[in-house]
PDB file of N, CA and C in Angstrom:
ATOM      1  N   MET A   1      29.918 -16.048  75.429  1.00  0.00           N
ATOM      2  CA  MET A   1      29.549 -15.438  76.699  1.00  0.00           C
ATOM      3  C   MET A   1      28.038 -15.299  76.783  1.00  0.00           C
ATOM      4  N   ASP A   2      27.553 -15.407  77.977  1.00  0.00           N
ATOM      5  CA  ASP A   2      26.125 -15.276  78.247  1.00  0.00           C
ATOM      6  C   ASP A   2      25.650 -13.880  77.843  1.00  0.00           C
ATOM      7  N   PRO A   3      24.601 -13.778  76.996  1.00  0.00           N
ATOM      8  CA  PRO A   3      24.131 -12.456  76.565  1.00  0.00           C
ATOM      9  C   PRO A   3      23.581 -11.617  77.714  1.00  0.00           C
ATOM     10  N   ARG A   4      23.244 -12.251  78.846  1.00  0.00           N
ATOM     11  CA  ARG A   4      22.731 -11.509  80.007  1.00  0.00           C
ATOM     12  C   ARG A   4      23.849 -11.089  80.959  1.00  0.00           C
ATOM     13  N   MET A   5      25.077 -11.347  80.600  1.00  0.00           N
ATOM     14  CA  MET A   5      26.216 -11.027  81.447  1.00  0.00           C
ATOM     15  C   MET A   5      26.327  -9.514  81.637  1.00  0.00           C
ATOM     16  N   SER A   6      26.629  -9.089  82.856  1.00  0.00           N
ATOM     17  CA  SER A   6      26.774  -7.656  83.122  1.00  0.00           C
ATOM     18  C   SER A   6      27.988  -7.099  82.378  1.00  0.00           C
ATOM     19  N   ILE A   7      27.961  -5.809  82.135  1.00  0.00           N
ATOM     20  CA  ILE A   7      29.081  -5.149  81.461  1.00  0.00           C
ATOM     21  C   ILE A   7      30.352  -5.283  82.297  1.00  0.00           C
ATOM     22  N   ALA A   8      30.232  -5.142  83.616  1.00  0.00           N
ATOM     23  CA  ALA A   8      31.406  -5.233  84.491  1.00  0.00           C
ATOM     24  C   ALA A   8      32.044  -6.624  84.418  1.00  0.00           C
ATOM     25  N   ARG A   9      31.228  -7.671  84.479  1.00  0.00           N
ATOM     26  CA  ARG A   9      31.767  -9.034  84.395  1.00  0.00           C
ATOM     27  C   ARG A   9      32.376  -9.277  83.018  1.00  0.00           C
ATOM     28  N   LYS A  10      31.682  -8.848  81.976  1.00  0.00           N
ATOM     29  CA  LYS A  10      32.179  -9.035  80.608  1.00  0.00           C
ATOM     30  C   LYS A  10      33.535  -8.352  80.435  1.00  0.00           C
ATOM     31  N   THR A  11      33.669  -7.144  80.966  1.00  0.00           N
ATOM     32  CA  THR A  11      34.932  -6.410  80.884  1.00  0.00           C
ATOM     33  C   THR A  11      36.055  -7.193  81.556  1.00  0.00           C
ATOM     34  N   ILE A  12      35.786  -7.714  82.739  1.00  0.00           N
ATOM     35  CA  ILE A  12      36.800  -8.479  83.479  1.00  0.00           C
ATOM     36  C   ILE A  12      37.170  -9.755  82.733  1.00  0.00           C
ATOM     37  N   GLU A  13      36.181 -10.495  82.253  1.00  0.00           N
ATOM     38  CA  GLU A  13      36.479 -11.772  81.598  1.00  0.00           C
ATOM     39  C   GLU A  13      37.126 -11.586  80.229  1.00  0.00           C
ATOM     40  N   GLU A  14      36.796 -10.520  79.527  1.00  0.00           N
ATOM     41  CA  GLU A  14      37.450 -10.272  78.240  1.00  0.00           C
ATOM     42  C   GLU A  14      38.912  -9.876  78.435  1.00  0.00           C
ATOM     43  N   ARG A  15      39.195  -9.128  79.495  1.00  0.00           N
ATOM     44  CA  ARG A  15      40.560  -8.636  79.718  1.00  0.00           C
ATOM     45  C   ARG A  15      41.448  -9.676  80.405  1.00  0.00           C
ATOM     46  N   TYR A  16      40.902 -10.418  81.372  1.00  0.00           N
ATOM     47  CA  TYR A  16      41.721 -11.316  82.191  1.00  0.00           C
ATOM     48  C   TYR A  16      41.359 -12.794  82.043  1.00  0.00           C
ATOM     49  N   GLY A  17      40.325 -13.106  81.271  1.00  0.00           N
ATOM     50  CA  GLY A  17      39.878 -14.488  81.120  1.00  0.00           C
ATOM     51  C   GLY A  17      38.822 -14.831  82.154  1.00  0.00           C
ATOM     52  N   PRO A  18      38.136 -15.967  81.969  1.00  0.00           N
ATOM     53  CA  PRO A  18      37.131 -16.394  82.951  1.00  0.00           C
ATOM     54  C   PRO A  18      37.761 -16.538  84.340  1.00  0.00           C
ATOM     55  N   ILE A  19      36.960 -16.309  85.340  1.00  0.00           N
ATOM     56  CA  ILE A  19      37.446 -16.346  86.721  1.00  0.00           C
ATOM     57  C   ILE A  19      38.073 -17.707  87.034  1.00  0.00           C
ATOM     58  N   GLY A  20      39.253 -17.665  87.643  1.00  0.00           N
ATOM     59  CA  GLY A  20      39.951 -18.889  88.022  1.00  0.00           C
ATOM     60  C   GLY A  20      40.839 -19.487  86.954  1.00  0.00           C
ATOM     61  N   THR A  21      40.908 -18.886  85.762  1.00  0.00           N
ATOM     62  CA  THR A  21      41.703 -19.466  84.678  1.00  0.00           C
ATOM     63  C   THR A  21      43.107 -18.888  84.578  1.00  0.00           C
ATOM     64  N   GLY A  22      43.425 -17.913  85.414  1.00  0.00           N
ATOM     65  CA  GLY A  22      44.767 -17.322  85.407  1.00  0.00           C
ATOM     66  C   GLY A  22      45.756 -18.197  86.164  1.00  0.00           C
ATOM     67  N   ASN A  23      46.920 -17.655  86.397  1.00  0.00           N
ATOM     68  CA  ASN A  23      48.000 -18.377  87.077  1.00  0.00           C
ATOM     69  C   ASN A  23      47.909 -18.238  88.591  1.00  0.00           C
ATOM     70  N   LYS A  24      48.441 -19.227  89.294  1.00  0.00           N
ATOM     71  CA  LYS A  24      48.541 -19.175  90.757  1.00  0.00           C
ATOM     72  C   LYS A  24      49.924 -18.690  91.188  1.00  0.00           C
ATOM     73  N   VAL A  25      50.871 -18.680  90.259  1.00  0.00           N
ATOM     74  CA  VAL A  25      52.229 -18.190  90.496  1.00  0.00           C
ATOM     75  C   VAL A  25      52.573 -17.242  89.360  1.00  0.00           C
ATOM     76  N   LEU A  26      53.137 -16.073  89.696  1.00  0.00           N
ATOM     77  CA  LEU A  26      53.573 -15.107  88.689  1.00  0.00           C
ATOM     78  C   LEU A  26      55.099 -15.020  88.723  1.00  0.00           C
ATOM     79  N   PHE A  27      55.709 -14.866  87.555  1.00  0.00           N
ATOM     80  CA  PHE A  27      57.154 -14.683  87.475  1.00  0.00           C
ATOM     81  C   PHE A  27      57.418 -13.197  87.295  1.00  0.00           C
ATOM     82  N   LEU A  28      57.916 -12.568  88.345  1.00  0.00           N
ATOM     83  CA  LEU A  28      58.163 -11.130  88.346  1.00  0.00           C
ATOM     84  C   LEU A  28      59.623 -10.877  88.688  1.00  0.00           C
ATOM     85  N   GLN A  29      60.277 -10.081  87.865  1.00  0.00           N
ATOM     86  CA  GLN A  29      61.701  -9.791  88.038  1.00  0.00           C
ATOM     87  C   GLN A  29      62.502 -11.093  88.087  1.00  0.00           C
ATOM     88  N   GLY A  30      62.057 -12.072  87.284  1.00  0.00           N
ATOM     89  CA  GLY A  30      62.746 -13.353  87.191  1.00  0.00           C
ATOM     90  C   GLY A  30      62.537 -14.293  88.360  1.00  0.00           C
ATOM     91  N   VAL A  31      61.632 -13.940  89.255  1.00  0.00           N
ATOM     92  CA  VAL A  31      61.417 -14.740  90.461  1.00  0.00           C
ATOM     93  C   VAL A  31      59.975 -15.249  90.493  1.00  0.00           C
ATOM     94  N   PRO A  32      59.762 -16.555  90.740  1.00  0.00           N
ATOM     95  CA  PRO A  32      58.391 -17.042  90.896  1.00  0.00           C
ATOM     96  C   PRO A  32      57.813 -16.552  92.224  1.00  0.00           C
ATOM     97  N   MET A  33      56.606 -15.983  92.164  1.00  0.00           N
ATOM     98  CA  MET A  33      55.965 -15.459  93.370  1.00  0.00           C
ATOM     99  C   MET A  33      54.538 -15.957  93.460  1.00  0.00           C
ATOM    100  N   SER A  34      54.178 -16.425  94.648  1.00  0.00           N
ATOM    101  CA  SER A  34      52.787 -16.818  94.889  1.00  0.00           C
ATOM    102  C   SER A  34      51.917 -15.568  94.869  1.00  0.00           C
ATOM    103  N   LEU A  35      50.625 -15.762  94.676  1.00  0.00           N
ATOM    104  CA  LEU A  35      49.703 -14.624  94.677  1.00  0.00           C
ATOM    105  C   LEU A  35      49.706 -13.931  96.037  1.00  0.00           C
ATOM    106  N   LYS A  36      49.896 -14.695  97.089  1.00  0.00           N
ATOM    107  CA  LYS A  36      49.952 -14.120  98.436  1.00  0.00           C
ATOM    108  C   LYS A  36      51.159 -13.184  98.574  1.00  0.00           C
ATOM    109  N   LYS A  37      52.300 -13.617  98.047  1.00  0.00           N
ATOM    110  CA  LYS A  37      53.507 -12.782  98.118  1.00  0.00           C
ATOM    111  C   LYS A  37      53.345 -11.535  97.255  1.00  0.00           C
ATOM    112  N   VAL A  38      52.768 -11.682  96.066  1.00  0.00           N
ATOM    113  CA  VAL A  38      52.509 -10.522  95.207  1.00  0.00           C
ATOM    114  C   VAL A  38      51.589  -9.549  95.936  1.00  0.00           C
ATOM    115  N   SER A  39      50.569 -10.069  96.599  1.00  0.00           N
ATOM    116  CA  SER A  39      49.638  -9.220  97.355  1.00  0.00           C
ATOM    117  C   SER A  39      50.369  -8.423  98.431  1.00  0.00           C
ATOM    118  N   ARG A  40      51.292  -9.075  99.119  1.00  0.00           N
ATOM    119  CA  ARG A  40      52.065  -8.362 100.152  1.00  0.00           C
ATOM    120  C   ARG A  40      52.913  -7.255  99.529  1.00  0.00           C
ATOM    121  N   LYS A  41      53.538  -7.542  98.400  1.00  0.00           N
ATOM    122  CA  LYS A  41      54.366  -6.528  97.739  1.00  0.00           C
ATOM    123  C   LYS A  41      53.526  -5.344  97.255  1.00  0.00           C
ATOM    124  N   LEU A  42      52.274  -5.605  96.891  1.00  0.00           N
ATOM    125  CA  LEU A  42      51.368  -4.532  96.468  1.00  0.00           C
ATOM    126  C   LEU A  42      50.708  -3.847  97.669  1.00  0.00           C
ATOM    127  N   MET A  43      51.019  -4.337  98.878  1.00  0.00           N
ATOM    128  CA  MET A  43      50.384  -3.868 100.119  1.00  0.00           C
ATOM    129  C   MET A  43      48.873  -4.062 100.053  1.00  0.00           C
ATOM    130  N   MET A  44      48.471  -5.234  99.548  1.00  0.00           N
ATOM    131  CA  MET A  44      47.060  -5.581  99.413  1.00  0.00           C
ATOM    132  C   MET A  44      46.791  -6.921 100.097  1.00  0.00           C
ATOM    133  N   HIS A  45      47.457  -7.161 101.193  1.00  0.00           N
ATOM    134  CA  HIS A  45      47.296  -8.419 101.926  1.00  0.00           C
ATOM    135  C   HIS A  45      46.370  -8.170 103.115  1.00  0.00           C
ATOM    136  N   TYR A  46      45.082  -8.463 102.927  1.00  0.00           N
ATOM    137  CA  TYR A  46      44.070  -8.263 103.959  1.00  0.00           C
ATOM    138  C   TYR A  46      43.269  -9.544 104.111  1.00  0.00           C
ATOM    139  N   GLU A  47      42.668  -9.732 105.269  1.00  0.00           N
ATOM    140  CA  GLU A  47      41.898 -10.940 105.558  1.00  0.00           C
ATOM    141  C   GLU A  47      40.745 -11.143 104.579  1.00  0.00           C
ATOM    142  N   ASP A  48      40.065 -10.065 104.192  1.00  0.00           N
ATOM    143  CA  ASP A  48      38.895 -10.213 103.322  1.00  0.00           C
ATOM    144  C   ASP A  48      39.222 -10.013 101.842  1.00  0.00           C
ATOM    145  N   LEU A  49      40.500  -9.988 101.478  1.00  0.00           N
ATOM    146  CA  LEU A  49      40.928  -9.848 100.090  1.00  0.00           C
ATOM    147  C   LEU A  49      41.648 -11.136  99.702  1.00  0.00           C
ATOM    148  N   ILE A  50      40.945 -12.021  98.998  1.00  0.00           N
ATOM    149  CA  ILE A  50      41.448 -13.365  98.710  1.00  0.00           C
ATOM    150  C   ILE A  50      41.908 -13.450  97.256  1.00  0.00           C
ATOM    151  N   PRO A  51      43.202 -13.709  97.024  1.00  0.00           N
ATOM    152  CA  PRO A  51      43.691 -13.827  95.649  1.00  0.00           C
ATOM    153  C   PRO A  51      43.077 -15.041  94.947  1.00  0.00           C
ATOM    154  N   ILE A  52      42.655 -14.831  93.704  1.00  0.00           N
ATOM    155  CA  ILE A  52      42.069 -15.915  92.908  1.00  0.00           C
ATOM    156  C   ILE A  52      43.070 -16.392  91.861  1.00  0.00           C
ATOM    157  N   ASP A  53      43.549 -15.471  91.027  1.00  0.00           N
ATOM    158  CA  ASP A  53      44.484 -15.805  89.963  1.00  0.00           C
ATOM    159  C   ASP A  53      45.177 -14.534  89.488  1.00  0.00           C
ATOM    160  N   GLY A  54      46.118 -14.687  88.579  1.00  0.00           N
ATOM    161  CA  GLY A  54      46.856 -13.536  88.068  1.00  0.00           C
ATOM    162  C   GLY A  54      47.450 -13.844  86.712  1.00  0.00           C
ATOM    163  N   GLY A  55      48.105 -12.843  86.137  1.00  0.00           N
ATOM    164  CA  GLY A  55      48.712 -13.041  84.832  1.00  0.00           C
ATOM    165  C   GLY A  55      49.420 -11.796  84.335  1.00  0.00           C
ATOM    166  N   THR A  56      49.784 -11.844  83.052  1.00  0.00           N
ATOM    167  CA  THR A  56      50.466 -10.735  82.400  1.00  0.00           C
ATOM    168  C   THR A  56      49.682 -10.349  81.158  1.00  0.00           C
ATOM    169  N   LEU A  57      49.492  -9.053  80.961  1.00  0.00           N
ATOM    170  CA  LEU A  57      48.791  -8.530  79.791  1.00  0.00           C
ATOM    171  C   LEU A  57      49.773  -8.377  78.630  1.00  0.00           C
ATOM    172  N   PRO A  58      49.268  -8.294  77.387  1.00  0.00           N
ATOM    173  CA  PRO A  58      50.157  -8.156  76.230  1.00  0.00           C
ATOM    174  C   PRO A  58      51.109  -6.956  76.313  1.00  0.00           C
ATOM    175  N   ASP A  59      50.696  -5.882  76.995  1.00  0.00           N
ATOM    176  CA  ASP A  59      51.563  -4.694  77.094  1.00  0.00           C
ATOM    177  C   ASP A  59      52.626  -4.822  78.187  1.00  0.00           C
ATOM    178  N   GLY A  60      52.686  -5.979  78.866  1.00  0.00           N
ATOM    179  CA  GLY A  60      53.697  -6.215  79.885  1.00  0.00           C
ATOM    180  C   GLY A  60      53.234  -5.949  81.306  1.00  0.00           C
ATOM    181  N   ARG A  61      52.087  -5.282  81.455  1.00  0.00           N
ATOM    182  CA  ARG A  61      51.567  -5.071  82.807  1.00  0.00           C
ATOM    183  C   ARG A  61      51.075  -6.402  83.368  1.00  0.00           C
ATOM    184  N   CYS A  62      51.099  -6.507  84.680  1.00  0.00           N
ATOM    185  CA  CYS A  62      50.621  -7.714  85.353  1.00  0.00           C
ATOM    186  C   CYS A  62      49.278  -7.422  85.998  1.00  0.00           C
ATOM    187  N   TRP A  63      48.580  -8.487  86.362  1.00  0.00           N
ATOM    188  CA  TRP A  63      47.294  -8.330  87.046  1.00  0.00           C
ATOM    189  C   TRP A  63      47.119  -9.446  88.064  1.00  0.00           C
ATOM    190  N   ILE A  64      46.323  -9.139  89.059  1.00  0.00           N
ATOM    191  CA  ILE A  64      45.933 -10.132  90.053  1.00  0.00           C
ATOM    192  C   ILE A  64      44.450  -9.917  90.337  1.00  0.00           C
ATOM    193  N   ARG A  65      43.710 -11.019  90.377  1.00  0.00           N
ATOM    194  CA  ARG A  65      42.261 -10.955  90.600  1.00  0.00           C
ATOM    195  C   ARG A  65      41.972 -11.462  92.013  1.00  0.00           C
ATOM    196  N   TYR A  66      41.108 -10.740  92.708  1.00  0.00           N
ATOM    197  CA  TYR A  66      40.751 -11.057  94.087  1.00  0.00           C
ATOM    198  C   TYR A  66      39.249 -11.245  94.226  1.00  0.00           C
ATOM    199  N   TYR A  67      38.882 -11.966  95.282  1.00  0.00           N
ATOM    200  CA  TYR A  67      37.521 -11.865  95.800  1.00  0.00           C
ATOM    201  C   TYR A  67      37.629 -10.928  96.989  1.00  0.00           C
ATOM    202  N   GLU A  68      36.841  -9.865  96.989  1.00  0.00           N
ATOM    203  CA  GLU A  68      36.866  -8.856  98.052  1.00  0.00           C
ATOM    204  C   GLU A  68      35.637  -9.068  98.911  1.00  0.00           C
ATOM    205  N   GLY A  69      35.841  -9.626 100.110  1.00  0.00           N
ATOM    206  CA  GLY A  69      34.741 -10.065 100.955  1.00  0.00           C
ATOM    207  C   GLY A  69      33.873  -8.976 101.537  1.00  0.00           C
ATOM    208  N   GLU A  70      34.451  -7.839 101.866  1.00  0.00           N
ATOM    209  CA  GLU A  70      33.660  -6.783 102.495  1.00  0.00           C
ATOM    210  C   GLU A  70      32.598  -6.239 101.545  1.00  0.00           C
ATOM    211  N   GLN A  71      32.981  -6.013 100.290  1.00  0.00           N
ATOM    212  CA  GLN A  71      32.023  -5.495  99.310  1.00  0.00           C
ATOM    213  C   GLN A  71      31.422  -6.600  98.445  1.00  0.00           C
ATOM    214  N   ARG A  72      31.882  -7.842  98.660  1.00  0.00           N
ATOM    215  CA  ARG A  72      31.403  -9.006  97.900  1.00  0.00           C
ATOM    216  C   ARG A  72      31.513  -8.771  96.397  1.00  0.00           C
ATOM    217  N   LYS A  73      32.738  -8.552  95.966  1.00  0.00           N
ATOM    218  CA  LYS A  73      32.966  -8.324  94.544  1.00  0.00           C
ATOM    219  C   LYS A  73      34.256  -8.986  94.089  1.00  0.00           C
ATOM    220  N   VAL A  74      34.357  -9.154  92.791  1.00  0.00           N
ATOM    221  CA  VAL A  74      35.586  -9.608  92.164  1.00  0.00           C
ATOM    222  C   VAL A  74      36.328  -8.343  91.750  1.00  0.00           C
ATOM    223  N   LEU A  75      37.599  -8.279  92.093  1.00  0.00           N
ATOM    224  CA  LEU A  75      38.404  -7.091  91.860  1.00  0.00           C
ATOM    225  C   LEU A  75      39.678  -7.504  91.137  1.00  0.00           C
ATOM    226  N   ALA A  76      39.978  -6.860  90.018  1.00  0.00           N
ATOM    227  CA  ALA A  76      41.217  -7.117  89.290  1.00  0.00           C
ATOM    228  C   ALA A  76      42.091  -5.867  89.378  1.00  0.00           C
ATOM    229  N   ILE A  77      43.313  -6.045  89.858  1.00  0.00           N
ATOM    230  CA  ILE A  77      44.266  -4.954  90.016  1.00  0.00           C
ATOM    231  C   ILE A  77      45.365  -5.136  88.974  1.00  0.00           C
ATOM    232  N   GLU A  78      45.663  -4.078  88.218  1.00  0.00           N
ATOM    233  CA  GLU A  78      46.774  -4.092  87.268  1.00  0.00           C
ATOM    234  C   GLU A  78      47.949  -3.349  87.885  1.00  0.00           C
ATOM    235  N   PHE A  79      49.156  -3.877  87.642  1.00  0.00           N
ATOM    236  CA  PHE A  79      50.350  -3.259  88.214  1.00  0.00           C
ATOM    237  C   PHE A  79      51.553  -3.481  87.309  1.00  0.00           C
ATOM    238  N   THR A  80      52.572  -2.631  87.499  1.00  0.00           N
ATOM    239  CA  THR A  80      53.806  -2.756  86.729  1.00  0.00           C
ATOM    240  C   THR A  80      54.693  -3.811  87.381  1.00  0.00           C
ATOM    241  N   ARG A  81      55.754  -4.169  86.706  1.00  0.00           N
ATOM    242  CA  ARG A  81      56.701  -5.144  87.257  1.00  0.00           C
ATOM    243  C   ARG A  81      57.465  -4.580  88.461  1.00  0.00           C
ATOM    244  N   GLU A  82      57.341  -3.278  88.672  1.00  0.00           N
ATOM    245  CA  GLU A  82      57.936  -2.633  89.856  1.00  0.00           C
ATOM    246  C   GLU A  82      56.900  -2.526  90.979  1.00  0.00           C
ATOM    247  N   PHE A  83      55.745  -3.143  90.804  1.00  0.00           N
ATOM    248  CA  PHE A  83      54.662  -3.196  91.790  1.00  0.00           C
ATOM    249  C   PHE A  83      53.969  -1.853  92.009  1.00  0.00           C
ATOM    250  N   ASP A  84      53.912  -1.031  90.968  1.00  0.00           N
ATOM    251  CA  ASP A  84      53.119   0.200  91.006  1.00  0.00           C
ATOM    252  C   ASP A  84      51.734  -0.124  90.461  1.00  0.00           C
ATOM    253  N   ILE A  85      50.693   0.147  91.229  1.00  0.00           N
ATOM    254  CA  ILE A  85      49.321  -0.121  90.789  1.00  0.00           C
ATOM    255  C   ILE A  85      48.926   0.919  89.749  1.00  0.00           C
ATOM    256  N   VAL A  86      48.438   0.444  88.597  1.00  0.00           N
ATOM    257  CA  VAL A  86      48.102   1.354  87.496  1.00  0.00           C
ATOM    258  C   VAL A  86      46.659   1.225  87.019  1.00  0.00           C
ATOM    259  N   GLY A  87      45.890   0.296  87.562  1.00  0.00           N
ATOM    260  CA  GLY A  87      44.504   0.151  87.127  1.00  0.00           C
ATOM    261  C   GLY A  87      43.729  -0.815  87.999  1.00  0.00           C
ATOM    262  N   GLU A  88      42.402  -0.734  87.867  1.00  0.00           N
ATOM    263  CA  GLU A  88      41.510  -1.568  88.677  1.00  0.00           C
ATOM    264  C   GLU A  88      40.185  -1.754  87.941  1.00  0.00           C
ATOM    265  N   ASN A  89      39.653  -2.967  88.009  1.00  0.00           N
ATOM    266  CA  ASN A  89      38.316  -3.278  87.495  1.00  0.00           C
ATOM    267  C   ASN A  89      37.603  -4.114  88.545  1.00  0.00           C
ATOM    268  N   GLY A  90      36.308  -3.898  88.702  1.00  0.00           N
ATOM    269  CA  GLY A  90      35.564  -4.671  89.684  1.00  0.00           C
ATOM    270  C   GLY A  90      34.153  -4.974  89.218  1.00  0.00           C
ATOM    271  N   ALA A  91      33.597  -6.050  89.755  1.00  0.00           N
ATOM    272  CA  ALA A  91      32.218  -6.443  89.457  1.00  0.00           C
ATOM    273  C   ALA A  91      31.653  -7.178  90.664  1.00  0.00           C
ATOM    274  N   ASP A  92      30.375  -7.031  90.883  1.00  0.00           N
ATOM    275  CA  ASP A  92      29.700  -7.691  91.996  1.00  0.00           C
ATOM    276  C   ASP A  92      29.773  -9.203  91.822  1.00  0.00           C
ATOM    277  N   ILE A  93      30.011  -9.924  92.909  1.00  0.00           N
ATOM    278  CA  ILE A  93      30.097 -11.386  92.850  1.00  0.00           C
ATOM    279  C   ILE A  93      28.781 -11.994  92.376  1.00  0.00           C
ATOM    280  N   MET A  94      27.688 -11.271  92.564  1.00  0.00           N
ATOM    281  CA  MET A  94      26.381 -11.753  92.118  1.00  0.00           C
ATOM    282  C   MET A  94      26.354 -11.971  90.601  1.00  0.00           C
ATOM    283  N   ASP A  95      27.207 -11.259  89.862  1.00  0.00           N
ATOM    284  CA  ASP A  95      27.285 -11.446  88.412  1.00  0.00           C
ATOM    285  C   ASP A  95      27.724 -12.861  88.053  1.00  0.00           C
ATOM    286  N   TRP A  96      28.439 -13.534  88.936  1.00  0.00           N
ATOM    287  CA  TRP A  96      28.870 -14.916  88.700  1.00  0.00           C
ATOM    288  C   TRP A  96      27.930 -15.918  89.361  1.00  0.00           C
ATOM    289  N   LEU A  97      27.407 -15.573  90.528  1.00  0.00           N
ATOM    290  CA  LEU A  97      26.635 -16.534  91.309  1.00  0.00           C
ATOM    291  C   LEU A  97      25.152 -16.561  90.996  1.00  0.00           C
ATOM    292  N   GLY A  98      24.620 -15.481  90.457  1.00  0.00           N
ATOM    293  CA  GLY A  98      23.187 -15.422  90.186  1.00  0.00           C
ATOM    294  C   GLY A  98      22.382 -15.587  91.461  1.00  0.00           C
ATOM    295  N   ASP A  99      21.322 -16.385  91.406  1.00  0.00           N
ATOM    296  CA  ASP A  99      20.440 -16.572  92.563  1.00  0.00           C
ATOM    297  C   ASP A  99      21.115 -17.296  93.729  1.00  0.00           C
ATOM    298  N   ASP A 100      22.192 -18.035  93.460  1.00  0.00           N
ATOM    299  CA  ASP A 100      22.919 -18.694  94.552  1.00  0.00           C
ATOM    300  C   ASP A 100      23.471 -17.675  95.543  1.00  0.00           C
ATOM    301  N   TYR A 101      23.658 -16.464  95.093  1.00  0.00           N
ATOM    302  CA  TYR A 101      24.138 -15.381  95.959  1.00  0.00           C
ATOM    303  C   TYR A 101      23.299 -15.275  97.235  1.00  0.00           C
ATOM    304  N   PHE A 102      21.994 -15.500  97.096  1.00  0.00           N
ATOM    305  CA  PHE A 102      21.078 -15.343  98.228  1.00  0.00           C
ATOM    306  C   PHE A 102      21.025 -16.575  99.133  1.00  0.00           C
ATOM    307  N   ARG A 103      21.651 -17.682  98.723  1.00  0.00           N
ATOM    308  CA  ARG A 103      21.640 -18.914  99.515  1.00  0.00           C
ATOM    309  C   ARG A 103      22.942 -19.138 100.286  1.00  0.00           C
ATOM    310  N   ILE A 104      23.888 -18.250 100.126  1.00  0.00           N
ATOM    311  CA  ILE A 104      25.204 -18.422 100.747  1.00  0.00           C
ATOM    312  C   ILE A 104      25.234 -17.754 102.112  1.00  0.00           C
ATOM    313  N   HIS A 105      25.800 -18.480 103.079  1.00  0.00           N
ATOM    314  CA  HIS A 105      26.053 -17.897 104.398  1.00  0.00           C
ATOM    315  C   HIS A 105      27.399 -17.189 104.287  1.00  0.00           C
ATOM    316  N   TRP A 106      27.380 -15.877 104.155  1.00  0.00           N
ATOM    317  CA  TRP A 106      28.596 -15.122 103.853  1.00  0.00           C
ATOM    318  C   TRP A 106      29.524 -15.026 105.047  1.00  0.00           C
ATOM    319  N   ARG A 107      30.707 -15.537 104.886  1.00  0.00           N
ATOM    320  CA  ARG A 107      31.849 -15.300 105.774  1.00  0.00           C
ATOM    321  C   ARG A 107      33.054 -15.197 104.868  1.00  0.00           C
ATOM    322  N   VAL A 108      33.646 -16.328 104.564  1.00  0.00           N
ATOM    323  CA  VAL A 108      34.766 -16.340 103.634  1.00  0.00           C
ATOM    324  C   VAL A 108      34.378 -17.255 102.491  1.00  0.00           C
ATOM    325  N   PHE A 109      34.387 -16.729 101.283  1.00  0.00           N
ATOM    326  CA  PHE A 109      33.992 -17.521 100.120  1.00  0.00           C
ATOM    327  C   PHE A 109      34.729 -17.025  98.897  1.00  0.00           C
ATOM    328  N   CYS A 110      35.230 -17.928  98.111  1.00  0.00           N
ATOM    329  CA  CYS A 110      35.876 -17.568  96.857  1.00  0.00           C
ATOM    330  C   CYS A 110      35.399 -18.541  95.793  1.00  0.00           C
ATOM    331  N   PRO A 111      34.755 -18.060  94.729  1.00  0.00           N
ATOM    332  CA  PRO A 111      34.193 -18.951  93.720  1.00  0.00           C
ATOM    333  C   PRO A 111      35.237 -19.766  92.965  1.00  0.00           C
ATOM    334  N   ALA A 112      36.491 -19.350  92.993  1.00  0.00           N
ATOM    335  CA  ALA A 112      37.523 -20.073  92.251  1.00  0.00           C
ATOM    336  C   ALA A 112      38.402 -20.941  93.142  1.00  0.00           C
ATOM    337  N   GLY A 113      38.077 -21.029  94.413  1.00  0.00           N
ATOM    338  CA  GLY A 113      38.819 -21.939  95.262  1.00  0.00           C
ATOM    339  C   GLY A 113      39.618 -21.316  96.380  1.00  0.00           C
ATOM    340  N   GLY A 114      39.968 -20.069  96.317  1.00  0.00           N
ATOM    341  CA  GLY A 114      40.776 -19.344  97.292  1.00  0.00           C
ATOM    342  C   GLY A 114      40.904 -19.947  98.669  1.00  0.00           C
ATOM    343  N   GLU A 115      40.154 -19.526  99.636  1.00  0.00           N
ATOM    344  CA  GLU A 115      40.301 -19.982 101.013  1.00  0.00           C
ATOM    345  C   GLU A 115      39.433 -21.211 101.280  1.00  0.00           C
ATOM    346  N   GLU A 116      38.243 -21.032 101.799  1.00  0.00           N
ATOM    347  CA  GLU A 116      37.398 -22.186 102.086  1.00  0.00           C
ATOM    348  C   GLU A 116      35.933 -21.852 101.837  1.00  0.00           C
ATOM    349  N   TRP A 117      35.170 -22.867 101.521  1.00  0.00           N
ATOM    350  CA  TRP A 117      33.742 -22.717 101.237  1.00  0.00           C
ATOM    351  C   TRP A 117      32.981 -22.795 102.542  1.00  0.00           C
ATOM    352  N   LEU A 118      32.252 -21.751 102.861  1.00  0.00           N
ATOM    353  CA  LEU A 118      31.423 -21.746 104.060  1.00  0.00           C
ATOM    354  C   LEU A 118      29.983 -21.458 103.671  1.00  0.00           C
ATOM    355  N   GLY A 119      29.568 -21.989 102.530  1.00  0.00           N
ATOM    356  CA  GLY A 119      28.229 -21.728 102.017  1.00  0.00           C
ATOM    357  C   GLY A 119      27.184 -22.627 102.637  1.00  0.00           C
ATOM    358  N   ALA A 120      25.987 -22.547 102.062  1.00  0.00           N
ATOM    359  CA  ALA A 120      24.846 -23.325 102.559  1.00  0.00           C
ATOM    360  C   ALA A 120      25.043 -24.800 102.282  1.00  0.00           C
TER     361      ALA A 120
END
């Protein structure tokens, strides 16, 4: 890991892996679910909250990582298999983009592919 990496980004990448390396489909209660469907079940389906990836932690809790457009941050939500939210971690998107952050025309953007690139 980059020694200049922020503590918030390091925490997210150590716990959930590098951004975009998680799953696009989660198996919950024996059913394959898209990140969009998981977001709806968590009542986290908003226009500016774009799912990036998700997974399962060793203790059995699940997680889903988002790009949150309003605050321009990466947000990881932890939840139980019953869809109870039990934790959250976040970091500014600038921690991943560096100086490119200032060259982007912000509307909808997800560094891992989510919706569509509307950058410079």
